[in-house]
N, C-alpha and C. Protein backbone atom coordinates (compact mmCIF):
# COMPACT_ATOMS: atom_id res chain seq x y z
N MET A 1 8.62 -31.09 48.74
CA MET A 1 9.81 -31.09 47.88
C MET A 1 9.40 -31.21 46.40
N LYS A 2 8.43 -32.09 46.12
CA LYS A 2 7.98 -32.26 44.74
C LYS A 2 7.34 -30.99 44.22
N ARG A 3 6.59 -30.29 45.09
CA ARG A 3 5.94 -29.05 44.68
C ARG A 3 6.97 -28.01 44.27
N HIS A 4 8.03 -27.89 45.07
CA HIS A 4 9.10 -26.94 44.72
C HIS A 4 9.78 -27.34 43.42
N LEU A 5 9.96 -28.65 43.23
CA LEU A 5 10.62 -29.13 42.02
C LEU A 5 9.78 -28.82 40.79
N ILE A 6 8.45 -29.01 40.91
CA ILE A 6 7.54 -28.70 39.80
C ILE A 6 7.57 -27.22 39.48
N THR A 7 7.62 -26.38 40.54
CA THR A 7 7.67 -24.93 40.34
C THR A 7 8.93 -24.52 39.61
N ILE A 8 10.05 -25.12 39.99
CA ILE A 8 11.32 -24.80 39.33
C ILE A 8 11.29 -25.21 37.88
N ILE A 9 10.72 -26.40 37.61
CA ILE A 9 10.64 -26.87 36.23
C ILE A 9 9.78 -25.95 35.39
N LEU A 10 8.65 -25.49 35.96
CA LEU A 10 7.77 -24.58 35.24
C LEU A 10 8.46 -23.26 34.93
N ILE A 11 9.21 -22.73 35.91
CA ILE A 11 9.93 -21.48 35.70
C ILE A 11 10.98 -21.63 34.61
N LEU A 12 11.72 -22.76 34.66
CA LEU A 12 12.74 -22.99 33.64
C LEU A 12 12.12 -23.16 32.26
N THR A 13 10.96 -23.85 32.22
CA THR A 13 10.29 -24.04 30.93
C THR A 13 9.83 -22.71 30.36
N LEU A 14 9.23 -21.87 31.23
CA LEU A 14 8.76 -20.57 30.79
C LEU A 14 9.92 -19.70 30.33
N PHE A 15 11.02 -19.71 31.08
CA PHE A 15 12.19 -18.91 30.71
C PHE A 15 12.77 -19.39 29.40
N GLY A 16 12.81 -20.73 29.23
CA GLY A 16 13.33 -21.27 27.98
C GLY A 16 12.47 -20.90 26.80
N SER A 17 11.14 -20.88 27.00
CA SER A 17 10.23 -20.50 25.92
C SER A 17 10.42 -19.05 25.55
N MET A 18 10.61 -18.18 26.57
CA MET A 18 10.82 -16.76 26.30
C MET A 18 12.10 -16.55 25.51
N CYS A 19 13.17 -17.27 25.91
CA CYS A 19 14.44 -17.13 25.20
C CYS A 19 14.30 -17.61 23.76
N PHE A 20 13.57 -18.74 23.61
CA PHE A 20 13.38 -19.28 22.27
C PHE A 20 12.62 -18.30 21.39
N ALA A 21 11.58 -17.66 21.96
CA ALA A 21 10.78 -16.70 21.20
C ALA A 21 11.61 -15.49 20.82
N GLN A 22 12.46 -15.03 21.75
CA GLN A 22 13.27 -13.86 21.48
C GLN A 22 14.29 -14.13 20.38
N THR A 23 14.91 -15.34 20.44
CA THR A 23 15.93 -15.65 19.46
C THR A 23 15.33 -15.92 18.09
N ASN A 24 14.02 -16.26 18.06
CA ASN A 24 13.39 -16.55 16.79
C ASN A 24 12.62 -15.36 16.22
N GLN A 25 12.72 -14.20 16.86
CA GLN A 25 12.11 -13.01 16.30
C GLN A 25 12.85 -12.63 15.01
N PRO A 26 12.13 -12.43 13.93
CA PRO A 26 12.82 -12.09 12.68
C PRO A 26 13.52 -10.74 12.79
N SER A 27 14.73 -10.69 12.30
CA SER A 27 15.46 -9.43 12.30
C SER A 27 15.06 -8.62 11.07
N ILE A 28 14.96 -7.30 11.27
CA ILE A 28 14.55 -6.41 10.18
C ILE A 28 15.79 -5.92 9.44
N THR A 29 15.86 -6.19 8.16
CA THR A 29 16.99 -5.76 7.35
C THR A 29 16.94 -4.25 7.14
N ASP A 30 18.05 -3.60 7.41
CA ASP A 30 18.10 -2.14 7.31
C ASP A 30 18.50 -1.70 5.90
N ASP A 31 17.64 -2.02 4.95
CA ASP A 31 17.87 -1.58 3.57
C ASP A 31 16.64 -0.82 3.05
N PHE A 32 16.10 0.03 3.91
CA PHE A 32 14.90 0.78 3.57
C PHE A 32 15.19 1.82 2.48
N ASN A 33 14.24 1.94 1.57
CA ASN A 33 14.31 2.94 0.51
C ASN A 33 12.94 3.61 0.37
N PRO A 34 12.91 4.86 -0.13
CA PRO A 34 11.62 5.53 -0.30
C PRO A 34 10.67 4.73 -1.17
N SER A 35 9.40 4.76 -0.82
CA SER A 35 8.38 4.08 -1.61
C SER A 35 8.30 4.68 -3.01
N SER A 36 7.97 3.87 -3.98
CA SER A 36 7.84 4.34 -5.35
C SER A 36 6.65 5.26 -5.53
N LEU A 37 5.75 5.32 -4.54
CA LEU A 37 4.57 6.17 -4.63
C LEU A 37 4.66 7.39 -3.72
N ASN A 38 5.88 7.77 -3.36
CA ASN A 38 6.06 8.98 -2.55
C ASN A 38 5.88 10.24 -3.39
N GLN A 39 5.53 11.33 -2.70
CA GLN A 39 5.53 12.63 -3.36
C GLN A 39 6.95 12.96 -3.79
N PRO A 40 7.12 13.74 -4.85
CA PRO A 40 8.48 14.07 -5.32
C PRO A 40 9.35 14.65 -4.22
N GLY A 41 10.53 14.07 -4.04
CA GLY A 41 11.49 14.57 -3.06
C GLY A 41 11.27 14.11 -1.64
N LYS A 42 10.23 13.32 -1.37
CA LYS A 42 9.94 12.87 -0.01
C LYS A 42 10.64 11.53 0.28
N GLU A 43 11.26 11.45 1.45
CA GLU A 43 12.02 10.26 1.82
C GLU A 43 11.17 9.17 2.49
N TYR A 44 10.06 9.59 3.08
CA TYR A 44 9.20 8.63 3.78
C TYR A 44 7.79 8.69 3.23
N PRO A 45 7.09 7.52 3.28
CA PRO A 45 7.43 6.23 3.90
C PRO A 45 8.49 5.47 3.10
N GLN A 46 9.10 4.50 3.79
CA GLN A 46 10.13 3.68 3.19
C GLN A 46 9.77 2.20 3.31
N VAL A 47 10.27 1.42 2.36
CA VAL A 47 10.01 -0.03 2.33
C VAL A 47 11.34 -0.75 2.23
N ASN A 48 11.48 -1.88 2.96
CA ASN A 48 12.73 -2.65 2.84
C ASN A 48 12.48 -3.91 2.01
N SER A 49 13.53 -4.69 1.82
CA SER A 49 13.46 -5.86 0.94
C SER A 49 12.56 -6.95 1.49
N GLN A 50 12.23 -6.90 2.79
CA GLN A 50 11.37 -7.91 3.39
C GLN A 50 9.89 -7.52 3.36
N GLY A 51 9.60 -6.27 3.00
CA GLY A 51 8.21 -5.82 2.98
C GLY A 51 7.78 -5.04 4.20
N TYR A 52 8.73 -4.72 5.09
CA TYR A 52 8.42 -3.86 6.23
C TYR A 52 8.31 -2.41 5.74
N VAL A 53 7.47 -1.64 6.42
CA VAL A 53 7.29 -0.23 6.06
C VAL A 53 7.66 0.64 7.25
N ARG A 54 8.43 1.69 6.98
CA ARG A 54 8.84 2.64 8.03
C ARG A 54 8.27 4.01 7.70
N PHE A 55 7.70 4.65 8.72
CA PHE A 55 7.05 5.94 8.56
C PHE A 55 7.76 7.01 9.37
N ARG A 56 7.68 8.23 8.88
CA ARG A 56 8.17 9.39 9.63
C ARG A 56 7.23 10.56 9.33
N ILE A 57 6.57 11.06 10.37
CA ILE A 57 5.55 12.10 10.22
C ILE A 57 5.96 13.32 11.03
N GLU A 58 5.89 14.48 10.40
CA GLU A 58 6.19 15.74 11.09
C GLU A 58 4.91 16.25 11.77
N ALA A 59 4.84 16.08 13.08
CA ALA A 59 3.68 16.55 13.86
C ALA A 59 4.14 16.86 15.28
N PRO A 60 4.96 17.92 15.45
CA PRO A 60 5.57 18.20 16.76
C PRO A 60 4.57 18.49 17.88
N GLN A 61 3.37 18.96 17.57
CA GLN A 61 2.40 19.29 18.59
C GLN A 61 1.45 18.12 18.91
N ALA A 62 1.56 17.04 18.17
CA ALA A 62 0.64 15.92 18.34
C ALA A 62 0.96 15.14 19.62
N GLN A 63 -0.06 14.45 20.13
CA GLN A 63 0.08 13.60 21.30
C GLN A 63 0.07 12.11 20.91
N SER A 64 -0.47 11.81 19.75
CA SER A 64 -0.56 10.41 19.31
C SER A 64 -0.65 10.37 17.79
N VAL A 65 0.12 9.47 17.18
CA VAL A 65 0.08 9.27 15.73
C VAL A 65 0.07 7.77 15.46
N VAL A 66 -0.95 7.30 14.74
CA VAL A 66 -1.08 5.88 14.41
C VAL A 66 -1.30 5.77 12.91
N VAL A 67 -0.64 4.79 12.27
CA VAL A 67 -0.80 4.54 10.84
C VAL A 67 -1.68 3.32 10.64
N SER A 68 -2.77 3.47 9.91
CA SER A 68 -3.63 2.34 9.56
C SER A 68 -3.29 1.94 8.13
N LEU A 69 -2.62 0.79 7.99
CA LEU A 69 -2.07 0.37 6.70
C LEU A 69 -2.61 -1.01 6.34
N GLY A 70 -3.14 -1.14 5.14
CA GLY A 70 -3.60 -2.44 4.68
C GLY A 70 -5.01 -2.76 5.10
N LEU A 71 -5.51 -3.91 4.68
CA LEU A 71 -6.87 -4.34 4.97
C LEU A 71 -7.10 -4.44 6.47
N GLY A 72 -8.10 -3.72 6.96
CA GLY A 72 -8.40 -3.75 8.38
C GLY A 72 -7.45 -2.93 9.22
N GLY A 73 -6.61 -2.12 8.56
CA GLY A 73 -5.69 -1.28 9.33
C GLY A 73 -4.55 -2.04 9.96
N THR A 74 -4.35 -3.30 9.53
CA THR A 74 -3.30 -4.16 10.10
C THR A 74 -3.44 -4.28 11.61
N LYS A 75 -4.60 -4.78 12.02
CA LYS A 75 -4.88 -5.12 13.42
C LYS A 75 -4.65 -3.94 14.36
N GLY A 76 -5.30 -2.84 14.09
CA GLY A 76 -5.23 -1.71 15.00
C GLY A 76 -4.24 -0.65 14.60
N GLY A 77 -3.42 -0.91 13.61
CA GLY A 77 -2.51 0.11 13.14
C GLY A 77 -1.11 0.00 13.72
N THR A 78 -0.25 0.89 13.24
CA THR A 78 1.15 0.95 13.70
C THR A 78 1.35 2.24 14.48
N PRO A 79 1.44 2.18 15.80
CA PRO A 79 1.69 3.41 16.59
C PRO A 79 3.10 3.92 16.33
N LEU A 80 3.23 5.22 16.15
CA LEU A 80 4.53 5.83 15.94
C LEU A 80 5.02 6.44 17.25
N THR A 81 6.33 6.54 17.39
CA THR A 81 6.96 7.07 18.60
C THR A 81 7.56 8.44 18.32
N LYS A 82 7.36 9.35 19.23
CA LYS A 82 7.85 10.72 19.04
C LYS A 82 9.34 10.80 19.28
N ALA A 83 10.06 11.38 18.32
CA ALA A 83 11.51 11.55 18.43
C ALA A 83 11.84 12.91 19.04
N GLU A 84 13.12 13.13 19.33
CA GLU A 84 13.54 14.37 19.97
C GLU A 84 13.29 15.59 19.08
N ASP A 85 13.32 15.40 17.77
CA ASP A 85 13.12 16.54 16.87
C ASP A 85 11.64 16.85 16.63
N GLY A 86 10.74 16.14 17.33
CA GLY A 86 9.31 16.39 17.19
C GLY A 86 8.62 15.55 16.14
N SER A 87 9.38 14.77 15.37
CA SER A 87 8.78 13.90 14.36
C SER A 87 8.34 12.59 15.01
N TRP A 88 7.48 11.87 14.31
CA TRP A 88 6.97 10.59 14.79
C TRP A 88 7.46 9.49 13.84
N ILE A 89 8.09 8.45 14.41
CA ILE A 89 8.73 7.41 13.62
C ILE A 89 8.25 6.04 14.09
N GLY A 90 8.07 5.13 13.14
CA GLY A 90 7.69 3.77 13.49
C GLY A 90 7.76 2.84 12.31
N THR A 91 7.87 1.53 12.61
CA THR A 91 7.96 0.49 11.58
C THR A 91 6.88 -0.55 11.84
N THR A 92 6.29 -1.07 10.79
CA THR A 92 5.27 -2.10 10.94
C THR A 92 5.84 -3.29 11.71
N THR A 93 4.98 -3.97 12.48
CA THR A 93 5.45 -5.10 13.28
C THR A 93 5.77 -6.32 12.43
N GLY A 94 5.29 -6.33 11.21
CA GLY A 94 5.58 -7.44 10.32
C GLY A 94 5.60 -6.97 8.87
N PRO A 95 6.05 -7.82 7.96
CA PRO A 95 6.07 -7.45 6.54
C PRO A 95 4.65 -7.38 5.98
N MET A 96 4.44 -6.49 5.02
CA MET A 96 3.16 -6.35 4.35
C MET A 96 3.12 -7.26 3.12
N GLU A 97 1.91 -7.61 2.71
CA GLU A 97 1.76 -8.41 1.50
C GLU A 97 2.19 -7.59 0.28
N GLU A 98 2.68 -8.28 -0.72
CA GLU A 98 3.13 -7.62 -1.94
C GLU A 98 1.99 -6.87 -2.62
N GLY A 99 2.33 -5.77 -3.27
CA GLY A 99 1.35 -5.04 -4.04
C GLY A 99 0.98 -3.71 -3.43
N PHE A 100 -0.12 -3.15 -3.92
CA PHE A 100 -0.57 -1.82 -3.53
C PHE A 100 -1.41 -1.87 -2.26
N HIS A 101 -1.22 -0.84 -1.39
CA HIS A 101 -2.01 -0.72 -0.16
C HIS A 101 -2.45 0.72 0.04
N TYR A 102 -3.68 0.89 0.51
CA TYR A 102 -4.14 2.19 0.99
C TYR A 102 -3.75 2.33 2.46
N TYR A 103 -3.57 3.58 2.90
CA TYR A 103 -3.37 3.80 4.33
C TYR A 103 -3.68 5.25 4.67
N HIS A 104 -3.85 5.51 5.97
CA HIS A 104 -4.06 6.88 6.44
C HIS A 104 -3.49 7.02 7.84
N LEU A 105 -3.43 8.25 8.32
CA LEU A 105 -2.91 8.56 9.65
C LEU A 105 -4.07 8.95 10.56
N THR A 106 -3.95 8.57 11.82
CA THR A 106 -4.85 9.07 12.86
C THR A 106 -4.00 9.88 13.82
N VAL A 107 -4.18 11.19 13.79
CA VAL A 107 -3.39 12.11 14.62
C VAL A 107 -4.33 12.72 15.66
N ASP A 108 -4.11 12.35 16.91
CA ASP A 108 -4.96 12.84 18.01
C ASP A 108 -6.44 12.67 17.71
N GLY A 109 -6.79 11.52 17.14
CA GLY A 109 -8.18 11.20 16.86
C GLY A 109 -8.69 11.65 15.51
N GLY A 110 -7.96 12.51 14.80
CA GLY A 110 -8.37 12.97 13.47
C GLY A 110 -7.71 12.14 12.38
N VAL A 111 -8.43 11.92 11.29
CA VAL A 111 -7.93 11.10 10.18
C VAL A 111 -7.35 12.01 9.10
N PHE A 112 -6.11 11.72 8.70
CA PHE A 112 -5.41 12.53 7.70
C PHE A 112 -4.65 11.62 6.74
N ASN A 113 -4.31 12.16 5.59
CA ASN A 113 -3.42 11.46 4.66
C ASN A 113 -1.97 11.82 4.98
N ASP A 114 -1.08 10.95 4.54
CA ASP A 114 0.35 11.17 4.73
C ASP A 114 0.84 12.20 3.70
N PRO A 115 1.34 13.35 4.13
CA PRO A 115 1.81 14.35 3.16
C PRO A 115 3.01 13.88 2.34
N GLY A 116 3.63 12.77 2.74
CA GLY A 116 4.78 12.28 2.00
C GLY A 116 4.44 11.34 0.87
N ALA A 117 3.15 10.93 0.78
CA ALA A 117 2.77 9.92 -0.21
C ALA A 117 1.73 10.47 -1.18
N LEU A 118 1.66 9.85 -2.34
CA LEU A 118 0.63 10.20 -3.31
C LEU A 118 -0.73 9.69 -2.83
N ASN A 119 -1.80 10.32 -3.30
CA ASN A 119 -3.15 9.96 -2.89
C ASN A 119 -3.89 9.22 -3.99
N PHE A 120 -4.72 8.27 -3.59
CA PHE A 120 -5.51 7.47 -4.52
C PHE A 120 -6.92 7.31 -3.96
N TYR A 121 -7.88 7.22 -4.88
CA TYR A 121 -9.26 7.09 -4.41
C TYR A 121 -9.57 5.62 -4.13
N GLY A 122 -9.81 5.32 -2.87
CA GLY A 122 -10.15 3.97 -2.44
C GLY A 122 -10.76 4.01 -1.06
N SER A 123 -11.50 2.93 -0.69
CA SER A 123 -12.20 2.90 0.59
C SER A 123 -13.18 4.06 0.71
N THR A 124 -13.76 4.45 -0.42
CA THR A 124 -14.74 5.54 -0.56
C THR A 124 -14.18 6.91 -0.19
N ARG A 125 -12.88 7.07 -0.18
CA ARG A 125 -12.27 8.36 0.11
C ARG A 125 -10.87 8.39 -0.50
N TRP A 126 -10.31 9.59 -0.56
CA TRP A 126 -8.92 9.71 -0.99
C TRP A 126 -8.00 9.27 0.14
N GLU A 127 -7.11 8.32 -0.15
CA GLU A 127 -6.20 7.81 0.85
C GLU A 127 -4.78 7.83 0.31
N SER A 128 -3.82 7.74 1.23
CA SER A 128 -2.43 7.61 0.83
C SER A 128 -2.20 6.21 0.27
N GLY A 129 -1.21 6.09 -0.59
CA GLY A 129 -0.91 4.79 -1.20
C GLY A 129 0.55 4.42 -1.06
N ILE A 130 0.80 3.13 -0.95
CA ILE A 130 2.17 2.63 -0.88
C ILE A 130 2.24 1.32 -1.64
N GLU A 131 3.37 1.08 -2.28
CA GLU A 131 3.57 -0.13 -3.08
C GLU A 131 4.65 -0.99 -2.43
N ILE A 132 4.30 -2.25 -2.12
CA ILE A 132 5.28 -3.21 -1.61
C ILE A 132 5.76 -4.00 -2.83
N PRO A 133 7.04 -3.85 -3.21
CA PRO A 133 7.52 -4.52 -4.42
C PRO A 133 7.21 -6.01 -4.44
N ALA A 134 6.68 -6.47 -5.56
CA ALA A 134 6.28 -7.87 -5.70
C ALA A 134 7.33 -8.65 -6.48
N HIS A 135 7.31 -9.97 -6.30
CA HIS A 135 8.29 -10.80 -7.01
C HIS A 135 8.05 -10.79 -8.52
N ASP A 136 6.80 -10.46 -8.93
CA ASP A 136 6.50 -10.40 -10.35
C ASP A 136 6.31 -8.96 -10.82
N GLN A 137 6.96 -8.02 -10.15
CA GLN A 137 6.76 -6.61 -10.49
C GLN A 137 7.20 -6.27 -11.91
N ASP A 138 8.07 -7.09 -12.48
CA ASP A 138 8.52 -6.84 -13.85
C ASP A 138 7.37 -6.97 -14.84
N PHE A 139 6.32 -7.70 -14.44
CA PHE A 139 5.18 -7.93 -15.33
C PHE A 139 4.44 -6.65 -15.67
N TYR A 140 4.40 -5.71 -14.70
CA TYR A 140 3.69 -4.46 -14.95
C TYR A 140 4.60 -3.24 -14.81
N ALA A 141 5.90 -3.44 -15.00
CA ALA A 141 6.85 -2.33 -14.95
C ALA A 141 6.83 -1.55 -16.27
N LEU A 142 7.14 -0.27 -16.17
CA LEU A 142 7.20 0.58 -17.36
C LEU A 142 8.47 0.24 -18.14
N LYS A 143 8.31 -0.15 -19.39
CA LYS A 143 9.43 -0.55 -20.22
C LYS A 143 9.45 0.26 -21.51
N ASP A 144 10.57 0.17 -22.20
CA ASP A 144 10.72 0.85 -23.49
C ASP A 144 10.14 -0.03 -24.59
N VAL A 145 8.83 -0.20 -24.54
CA VAL A 145 8.11 -1.00 -25.52
C VAL A 145 6.86 -0.22 -25.92
N PRO A 146 6.22 -0.55 -27.02
CA PRO A 146 4.98 0.14 -27.40
C PRO A 146 3.90 -0.05 -26.34
N HIS A 147 3.27 1.03 -25.94
CA HIS A 147 2.17 0.97 -24.99
C HIS A 147 0.90 1.48 -25.65
N GLY A 148 -0.21 1.06 -25.10
CA GLY A 148 -1.50 1.52 -25.59
C GLY A 148 -1.85 2.88 -25.00
N ASN A 149 -3.08 3.29 -25.21
CA ASN A 149 -3.56 4.57 -24.72
C ASN A 149 -4.76 4.38 -23.80
N VAL A 150 -4.84 5.24 -22.79
CA VAL A 150 -6.00 5.27 -21.91
C VAL A 150 -6.69 6.60 -22.14
N GLN A 151 -7.93 6.55 -22.60
CA GLN A 151 -8.69 7.75 -22.90
C GLN A 151 -9.87 7.90 -21.96
N GLN A 152 -10.14 9.15 -21.59
CA GLN A 152 -11.31 9.43 -20.78
C GLN A 152 -12.49 9.73 -21.69
N ILE A 153 -13.57 8.99 -21.48
CA ILE A 153 -14.76 9.14 -22.31
C ILE A 153 -15.92 9.64 -21.43
N LEU A 154 -16.58 10.69 -21.86
CA LEU A 154 -17.76 11.20 -21.17
C LEU A 154 -19.00 10.78 -21.94
N PHE A 155 -20.01 10.29 -21.22
CA PHE A 155 -21.22 9.83 -21.90
C PHE A 155 -22.44 10.14 -21.02
N PRO A 156 -23.58 10.41 -21.65
CA PRO A 156 -24.79 10.69 -20.88
C PRO A 156 -25.39 9.41 -20.32
N SER A 157 -25.85 9.49 -19.07
CA SER A 157 -26.47 8.34 -18.42
C SER A 157 -27.96 8.60 -18.25
N LYS A 158 -28.80 7.79 -18.93
CA LYS A 158 -30.24 7.96 -18.82
C LYS A 158 -30.76 7.56 -17.44
N SER A 159 -30.11 6.57 -16.82
CA SER A 159 -30.60 6.09 -15.53
C SER A 159 -30.36 7.09 -14.40
N THR A 160 -29.28 7.89 -14.51
CA THR A 160 -28.97 8.86 -13.45
C THR A 160 -29.21 10.30 -13.89
N SER A 161 -29.52 10.48 -15.20
CA SER A 161 -29.72 11.83 -15.77
C SER A 161 -28.51 12.73 -15.53
N THR A 162 -27.33 12.14 -15.62
CA THR A 162 -26.08 12.88 -15.43
C THR A 162 -25.10 12.47 -16.51
N SER A 163 -24.00 13.18 -16.59
CA SER A 163 -22.90 12.81 -17.46
C SER A 163 -21.94 11.93 -16.67
N ARG A 164 -21.63 10.77 -17.21
CA ARG A 164 -20.75 9.83 -16.52
C ARG A 164 -19.41 9.74 -17.24
N ARG A 165 -18.45 9.12 -16.56
CA ARG A 165 -17.09 9.04 -17.08
C ARG A 165 -16.63 7.59 -17.14
N ALA A 166 -15.93 7.26 -18.20
CA ALA A 166 -15.32 5.93 -18.33
C ALA A 166 -13.93 6.09 -18.90
N PHE A 167 -13.07 5.11 -18.62
CA PHE A 167 -11.73 5.10 -19.18
C PHE A 167 -11.60 3.90 -20.11
N VAL A 168 -11.11 4.16 -21.31
CA VAL A 168 -11.02 3.12 -22.34
C VAL A 168 -9.55 2.91 -22.70
N TYR A 169 -9.10 1.66 -22.59
CA TYR A 169 -7.74 1.31 -22.99
C TYR A 169 -7.77 0.67 -24.37
N THR A 170 -6.89 1.15 -25.24
CA THR A 170 -6.73 0.55 -26.56
C THR A 170 -5.27 0.16 -26.74
N PRO A 171 -4.99 -1.00 -27.32
CA PRO A 171 -3.61 -1.47 -27.49
C PRO A 171 -2.85 -0.61 -28.50
N PRO A 172 -1.52 -0.72 -28.52
CA PRO A 172 -0.71 0.14 -29.41
C PRO A 172 -0.99 -0.07 -30.88
N THR A 173 -1.53 -1.23 -31.27
CA THR A 173 -1.82 -1.50 -32.68
C THR A 173 -3.21 -1.00 -33.09
N TYR A 174 -3.96 -0.50 -32.12
CA TYR A 174 -5.33 -0.09 -32.42
C TYR A 174 -5.36 1.10 -33.40
N GLY A 175 -6.17 1.00 -34.44
CA GLY A 175 -6.32 2.08 -35.41
C GLY A 175 -5.42 1.97 -36.62
N LYS A 176 -4.39 1.13 -36.56
CA LYS A 176 -3.47 1.00 -37.69
C LYS A 176 -4.11 0.22 -38.83
N ASP A 177 -4.86 -0.81 -38.45
CA ASP A 177 -5.58 -1.61 -39.44
C ASP A 177 -7.07 -1.38 -39.20
N LYS A 178 -7.71 -0.58 -40.03
CA LYS A 178 -9.10 -0.19 -39.83
C LYS A 178 -10.04 -1.38 -39.90
N SER A 179 -9.64 -2.45 -40.56
CA SER A 179 -10.51 -3.61 -40.71
C SER A 179 -10.40 -4.59 -39.54
N LYS A 180 -9.39 -4.41 -38.71
CA LYS A 180 -9.19 -5.35 -37.61
C LYS A 180 -10.13 -5.04 -36.47
N ARG A 181 -10.75 -6.09 -35.92
CA ARG A 181 -11.66 -5.94 -34.80
C ARG A 181 -11.01 -6.51 -33.53
N TYR A 182 -11.32 -5.91 -32.40
CA TYR A 182 -10.72 -6.30 -31.13
C TYR A 182 -11.80 -6.75 -30.15
N PRO A 183 -11.49 -7.72 -29.31
CA PRO A 183 -12.46 -8.10 -28.27
C PRO A 183 -12.56 -6.99 -27.22
N VAL A 184 -13.68 -6.92 -26.54
CA VAL A 184 -13.91 -5.89 -25.52
C VAL A 184 -14.08 -6.54 -24.16
N LEU A 185 -13.37 -6.01 -23.18
CA LEU A 185 -13.49 -6.47 -21.79
C LEU A 185 -13.95 -5.29 -20.94
N TYR A 186 -15.06 -5.45 -20.23
CA TYR A 186 -15.59 -4.40 -19.37
C TYR A 186 -15.14 -4.67 -17.93
N LEU A 187 -14.50 -3.69 -17.32
CA LEU A 187 -14.02 -3.83 -15.95
C LEU A 187 -14.81 -2.89 -15.04
N GLN A 188 -15.41 -3.46 -14.00
CA GLN A 188 -16.08 -2.65 -12.99
C GLN A 188 -15.12 -2.46 -11.82
N HIS A 189 -14.96 -1.22 -11.37
CA HIS A 189 -13.95 -0.93 -10.36
C HIS A 189 -14.32 -1.47 -8.99
N GLY A 190 -15.57 -1.79 -8.75
CA GLY A 190 -15.95 -2.36 -7.45
C GLY A 190 -16.29 -1.30 -6.42
N TRP A 191 -16.70 -1.77 -5.26
CA TRP A 191 -17.13 -0.85 -4.20
C TRP A 191 -15.93 -0.14 -3.58
N GLY A 192 -16.06 1.15 -3.37
CA GLY A 192 -15.03 1.91 -2.67
C GLY A 192 -14.01 2.58 -3.55
N GLU A 193 -13.89 2.15 -4.80
CA GLU A 193 -12.94 2.77 -5.72
C GLU A 193 -13.70 3.47 -6.84
N ASP A 194 -12.96 4.03 -7.79
CA ASP A 194 -13.61 4.65 -8.95
C ASP A 194 -12.92 4.16 -10.22
N GLU A 195 -13.31 4.75 -11.36
CA GLU A 195 -12.85 4.26 -12.65
C GLU A 195 -11.37 4.52 -12.92
N THR A 196 -10.70 5.29 -12.07
CA THR A 196 -9.27 5.54 -12.25
C THR A 196 -8.40 4.41 -11.69
N ALA A 197 -9.00 3.51 -10.90
CA ALA A 197 -8.21 2.52 -10.14
C ALA A 197 -7.43 1.56 -11.02
N TRP A 198 -8.03 1.12 -12.13
CA TRP A 198 -7.37 0.09 -12.93
C TRP A 198 -6.05 0.57 -13.53
N SER A 199 -5.96 1.85 -13.85
CA SER A 199 -4.70 2.36 -14.41
C SER A 199 -3.81 2.98 -13.33
N ASN A 200 -4.38 3.68 -12.35
CA ASN A 200 -3.57 4.35 -11.33
C ASN A 200 -3.01 3.36 -10.31
N GLN A 201 -3.87 2.56 -9.71
CA GLN A 201 -3.43 1.61 -8.69
C GLN A 201 -3.00 0.27 -9.30
N GLY A 202 -3.79 -0.19 -10.28
CA GLY A 202 -3.53 -1.51 -10.85
C GLY A 202 -2.53 -1.55 -11.98
N LEU A 203 -2.20 -0.39 -12.55
CA LEU A 203 -1.22 -0.30 -13.65
C LEU A 203 -1.60 -1.22 -14.81
N ALA A 204 -2.91 -1.40 -15.03
CA ALA A 204 -3.36 -2.30 -16.09
C ALA A 204 -2.89 -1.86 -17.46
N ASN A 205 -2.70 -0.57 -17.65
CA ASN A 205 -2.26 -0.08 -18.97
C ASN A 205 -0.79 -0.35 -19.26
N LEU A 206 -0.03 -0.80 -18.24
CA LEU A 206 1.39 -1.10 -18.46
C LEU A 206 1.66 -2.57 -18.69
N ILE A 207 0.69 -3.41 -18.37
CA ILE A 207 0.87 -4.84 -18.56
C ILE A 207 0.95 -5.14 -20.05
N TRP A 208 1.97 -5.88 -20.42
CA TRP A 208 2.13 -6.19 -21.83
C TRP A 208 2.54 -7.66 -21.97
N ILE A 209 2.20 -8.23 -23.11
CA ILE A 209 2.49 -9.64 -23.37
C ILE A 209 3.38 -9.74 -24.59
N THR A 210 4.47 -10.46 -24.43
CA THR A 210 5.41 -10.63 -25.56
C THR A 210 4.96 -11.75 -26.49
């Protein structure tokens, strides 16, 4: 009798835990909008106010489509489900961290970029990019204020015997007072990216201080 009682208690405990887990699953707010880094006129990928990302890929002949988004591909990626119209649709299992993310598609084992998104050089290759709006996004938003200039500079490299490229940012007041001197900060883009990252992905040229 005690054994049956223990079994019943275990079943009820397990059922209660399952119900508790189901009721505590976060609901996804359906306020998705196109990413700010989409190709012109493209509706997907989309991001909602919680940081979830929704994808839609046109690949009617494909057998499998997986999105690898964020550092480490977000634990194996986001598998998409084929819809009746032949497109593949899916939403990340959780919200993404704020800021910029690289991602790519794996279609039937082949790696491709998302035709709906802009491409950026990162992870030692050109990848699709998506921006998860941040709480401090106003800090680097484009505003109607004076901005500096980003210039491409070509220079000879003795160590590599090639012509190299650098990008130089100068503030909006630069050049107005010929006697004024400015401090210099050298930024190295790091492994996997190139010299375009600070302005393209990081929007460093838009950051301004009042």
